[in-house]
Amino acid sequence: MSQFTYLGLLAGVLVVTAPLELVLHVRVYPRWRRLLVAIAPEFVVFVTWVLYAIHQGHWDYSAVYTTGVRLPGGIPVEEVLFFLVVPLASVLALEAVRKVTGWDAGYPAEEAAPANGAGR
């Protein structure tokens, strides 16, 4: 049963963050294009990095805690899912904070404007 440890942790992350969409209606899933733009660069960079590290012998993954399903390059399917699930949970958390607090996730208008008034 321990071969499902990694998948179980990822499922736990999804279960814990699901109420953010279902209860708070943060609208992350309906805006899937925005989500894709937020997650895709991270996904490409980190999967490439992991594939390089595996190829160089810098690290490997325990067969005890993973299902043993490896994708091309030797990367476990759980690791690929990690680079989707954790950023998704982060976006859900950010949107929940924005919804509850009214925060616009940007600079306040007075901080965004140049101090000397240039550019107006």
C-alpha atoms as a PDB file:
ATOM      1  CA  MET A   1       0.000   0.000   0.000  1.00  0.00           C
ATOM      2  CA  SER A   2       2.933   2.370   0.531  1.00  0.00           C
ATOM      3  CA  GLN A   3       3.381   2.612  -3.253  1.00  0.00           C
ATOM      4  CA  PHE A   4       0.378   4.956  -3.214  1.00  0.00           C
ATOM      5  CA  THR A   5       1.905   7.368  -0.666  1.00  0.00           C
ATOM      6  CA  TYR A   6       2.847  10.052  -3.207  1.00  0.00           C
ATOM      7  CA  LEU A   7      -0.509   9.797  -5.000  1.00  0.00           C
ATOM      8  CA  GLY A   8      -2.283   9.896  -1.640  1.00  0.00           C
ATOM      9  CA  LEU A   9      -0.532  13.121  -0.692  1.00  0.00           C
ATOM     10  CA  LEU A  10      -1.499  14.704  -4.004  1.00  0.00           C
ATOM     11  CA  ALA A  11      -5.105  13.560  -3.559  1.00  0.00           C
ATOM     12  CA  GLY A  12      -5.051  15.090  -0.074  1.00  0.00           C
ATOM     13  CA  VAL A  13      -3.957  18.426  -1.503  1.00  0.00           C
ATOM     14  CA  LEU A  14      -6.851  18.328  -3.960  1.00  0.00           C
ATOM     15  CA  VAL A  15      -9.359  17.333  -1.276  1.00  0.00           C
ATOM     16  CA  VAL A  16      -8.231  20.101   1.080  1.00  0.00           C
ATOM     17  CA  THR A  17      -8.371  22.797  -1.612  1.00  0.00           C
ATOM     18  CA  ALA A  18     -11.614  21.627  -3.300  1.00  0.00           C
ATOM     19  CA  PRO A  19     -13.818  23.589  -0.856  1.00  0.00           C
ATOM     20  CA  LEU A  20     -12.147  26.797  -2.025  1.00  0.00           C
ATOM     21  CA  GLU A  21     -13.795  26.322  -5.408  1.00  0.00           C
ATOM     22  CA  LEU A  22     -16.970  24.655  -4.211  1.00  0.00           C
ATOM     23  CA  VAL A  23     -17.789  26.829  -1.186  1.00  0.00           C
ATOM     24  CA  LEU A  24     -16.122  30.161  -1.929  1.00  0.00           C
ATOM     25  CA  HIS A  25     -16.746  29.981  -5.695  1.00  0.00           C
ATOM     26  CA  VAL A  26     -13.325  31.406  -6.550  1.00  0.00           C
ATOM     27  CA  ARG A  27     -13.872  30.500 -10.233  1.00  0.00           C
ATOM     28  CA  VAL A  28     -10.474  28.970 -10.914  1.00  0.00           C
ATOM     29  CA  TYR A  29     -11.771  26.009 -12.927  1.00  0.00           C
ATOM     30  CA  PRO A  30     -14.173  27.969 -15.149  1.00  0.00           C
ATOM     31  CA  ARG A  31     -11.295  30.277 -16.067  1.00  0.00           C
ATOM     32  CA  TRP A  32      -9.178  27.341 -17.227  1.00  0.00           C
ATOM     33  CA  ARG A  33      -7.255  29.382 -19.833  1.00  0.00           C
ATOM     34  CA  ARG A  34      -5.982  31.695 -17.103  1.00  0.00           C
ATOM     35  CA  LEU A  35      -5.061  28.694 -15.000  1.00  0.00           C
ATOM     36  CA  LEU A  36      -3.186  27.169 -17.927  1.00  0.00           C
ATOM     37  CA  VAL A  37      -1.220  30.393 -18.465  1.00  0.00           C
ATOM     38  CA  ALA A  38      -0.328  30.432 -14.766  1.00  0.00           C
ATOM     39  CA  ILE A  39       0.740  26.790 -14.547  1.00  0.00           C
ATOM     40  CA  ALA A  40       2.237  25.972 -17.964  1.00  0.00           C
ATOM     41  CA  PRO A  41       5.560  27.858 -17.622  1.00  0.00           C
ATOM     42  CA  GLU A  42       6.260  26.337 -14.206  1.00  0.00           C
ATOM     43  CA  PHE A  43       5.301  22.899 -15.472  1.00  0.00           C
ATOM     44  CA  VAL A  44       7.618  23.044 -18.480  1.00  0.00           C
ATOM     45  CA  VAL A  45      10.579  24.395 -16.512  1.00  0.00           C
ATOM     46  CA  PHE A  46      10.349  21.975 -13.606  1.00  0.00           C
ATOM     47  CA  VAL A  47       9.566  18.848 -15.615  1.00  0.00           C
ATOM     48  CA  THR A  48      12.549  19.675 -17.850  1.00  0.00           C
ATOM     49  CA  TRP A  49      14.707  20.224 -14.773  1.00  0.00           C
ATOM     50  CA  VAL A  50      13.646  16.916 -13.221  1.00  0.00           C
ATOM     51  CA  LEU A  51      14.235  15.042 -16.467  1.00  0.00           C
ATOM     52  CA  TYR A  52      17.723  16.537 -16.658  1.00  0.00           C
ATOM     53  CA  ALA A  53      18.440  15.644 -13.024  1.00  0.00           C
ATOM     54  CA  ILE A  54      17.259  12.061 -13.544  1.00  0.00           C
ATOM     55  CA  HIS A  55      19.340  11.738 -16.705  1.00  0.00           C
ATOM     56  CA  GLN A  56      22.431  13.046 -14.890  1.00  0.00           C
ATOM     57  CA  GLY A  57      21.862  10.678 -11.977  1.00  0.00           C
ATOM     58  CA  HIS A  58      21.372  13.518  -9.487  1.00  0.00           C
ATOM     59  CA  TRP A  59      18.234  11.933  -8.080  1.00  0.00           C
ATOM     60  CA  ASP A  60      15.716   9.179  -8.431  1.00  0.00           C
ATOM     61  CA  TYR A  61      12.398   8.264  -6.851  1.00  0.00           C
ATOM     62  CA  SER A  62      11.641   5.509  -4.404  1.00  0.00           C
ATOM     63  CA  ALA A  63       9.808   2.543  -5.865  1.00  0.00           C
ATOM     64  CA  VAL A  64       8.456   1.963  -2.361  1.00  0.00           C
ATOM     65  CA  TYR A  65       6.409   5.200  -2.288  1.00  0.00           C
ATOM     66  CA  THR A  66       5.500   5.486  -5.969  1.00  0.00           C
ATOM     67  CA  THR A  67       3.412   3.273  -8.227  1.00  0.00           C
ATOM     68  CA  GLY A  68       6.343   2.450 -10.487  1.00  0.00           C
ATOM     69  CA  VAL A  69       4.678   4.025 -13.516  1.00  0.00           C
ATOM     70  CA  ARG A  70       7.395   5.995 -15.250  1.00  0.00           C
ATOM     71  CA  LEU A  71       6.945   8.287 -18.198  1.00  0.00           C
ATOM     72  CA  PRO A  72       9.544   8.793 -20.931  1.00  0.00           C
ATOM     73  CA  GLY A  73      12.802   9.979 -19.403  1.00  0.00           C
ATOM     74  CA  GLY A  74      12.182   7.963 -16.239  1.00  0.00           C
ATOM     75  CA  ILE A  75      10.032  10.563 -14.474  1.00  0.00           C
ATOM     76  CA  PRO A  76       7.366   9.028 -12.230  1.00  0.00           C
ATOM     77  CA  VAL A  77       3.795   9.914 -13.108  1.00  0.00           C
ATOM     78  CA  GLU A  78       3.374  11.188  -9.529  1.00  0.00           C
ATOM     79  CA  GLU A  79       6.110  13.786 -10.054  1.00  0.00           C
ATOM     80  CA  VAL A  80       4.417  15.093 -13.188  1.00  0.00           C
ATOM     81  CA  LEU A  81       1.130  15.297 -11.294  1.00  0.00           C
ATOM     82  CA  PHE A  82       2.913  17.144  -8.473  1.00  0.00           C
ATOM     83  CA  PHE A  83       3.805  19.938 -10.905  1.00  0.00           C
ATOM     84  CA  LEU A  84       0.114  20.281 -11.759  1.00  0.00           C
ATOM     85  CA  VAL A  85      -1.557  19.724  -8.383  1.00  0.00           C
ATOM     86  CA  VAL A  86       0.574  21.985  -6.187  1.00  0.00           C
ATOM     87  CA  PRO A  87       0.377  25.034  -8.488  1.00  0.00           C
ATOM     88  CA  LEU A  88      -3.370  24.451  -8.837  1.00  0.00           C
ATOM     89  CA  ALA A  89      -3.691  24.443  -5.048  1.00  0.00           C
ATOM     90  CA  SER A  90      -1.616  27.625  -4.886  1.00  0.00           C
ATOM     91  CA  VAL A  91      -3.824  29.404  -7.402  1.00  0.00           C
ATOM     92  CA  LEU A  92      -6.931  28.250  -5.529  1.00  0.00           C
ATOM     93  CA  ALA A  93      -5.471  29.561  -2.256  1.00  0.00           C
ATOM     94  CA  LEU A  94      -4.532  32.901  -3.826  1.00  0.00           C
ATOM     95  CA  GLU A  95      -7.976  33.334  -5.331  1.00  0.00           C
ATOM     96  CA  ALA A  96      -9.602  32.409  -2.010  1.00  0.00           C
ATOM     97  CA  VAL A  97      -7.563  35.065  -0.211  1.00  0.00           C
ATOM     98  CA  ARG A  98      -8.513  37.590  -2.868  1.00  0.00           C
ATOM     99  CA  LYS A  99     -12.196  36.679  -2.572  1.00  0.00           C
ATOM    100  CA  VAL A 100     -12.318  36.794   1.229  1.00  0.00           C
ATOM    101  CA  THR A 101     -10.206  39.926   1.723  1.00  0.00           C
ATOM    102  CA  GLY A 102     -10.999  41.905  -1.418  1.00  0.00           C
ATOM    103  CA  TRP A 103      -7.274  42.113  -2.179  1.00  0.00           C
ATOM    104  CA  ASP A 104      -6.555  42.799  -5.847  1.00  0.00           C
ATOM    105  CA  ALA A 105      -3.165  40.991  -5.726  1.00  0.00           C
ATOM    106  CA  GLY A 106      -1.502  44.032  -7.248  1.00  0.00           C
ATOM    107  CA  TYR A 107       0.117  47.166  -5.979  1.00  0.00           C
ATOM    108  CA  PRO A 108      -2.122  49.774  -4.420  1.00  0.00           C
ATOM    109  CA  ALA A 109      -2.651  52.595  -6.912  1.00  0.00           C
ATOM    110  CA  GLU A 110      -0.441  55.023  -4.960  1.00  0.00           C
ATOM    111  CA  GLU A 111       2.481  52.571  -5.006  1.00  0.00           C
ATOM    112  CA  ALA A 112       2.107  51.780  -8.709  1.00  0.00           C
ATOM    113  CA  ALA A 113       2.346  55.426  -9.804  1.00  0.00           C
ATOM    114  CA  PRO A 114       5.851  56.919 -10.148  1.00  0.00           C
ATOM    115  CA  ALA A 115       6.733  59.217  -7.240  1.00  0.00           C
ATOM    116  CA  ASN A 116       7.621  62.189  -9.460  1.00  0.00           C
ATOM    117  CA  GLY A 117       4.449  61.961 -11.509  1.00  0.00           C
ATOM    118  CA  ALA A 118       6.372  60.951 -14.647  1.00  0.00           C
ATOM    119  CA  GLY A 119       4.524  58.858 -17.149  1.00  0.00           C
ATOM    120  CA  ARG A 120       1.126  60.439 -16.527  1.00  0.00           C
END
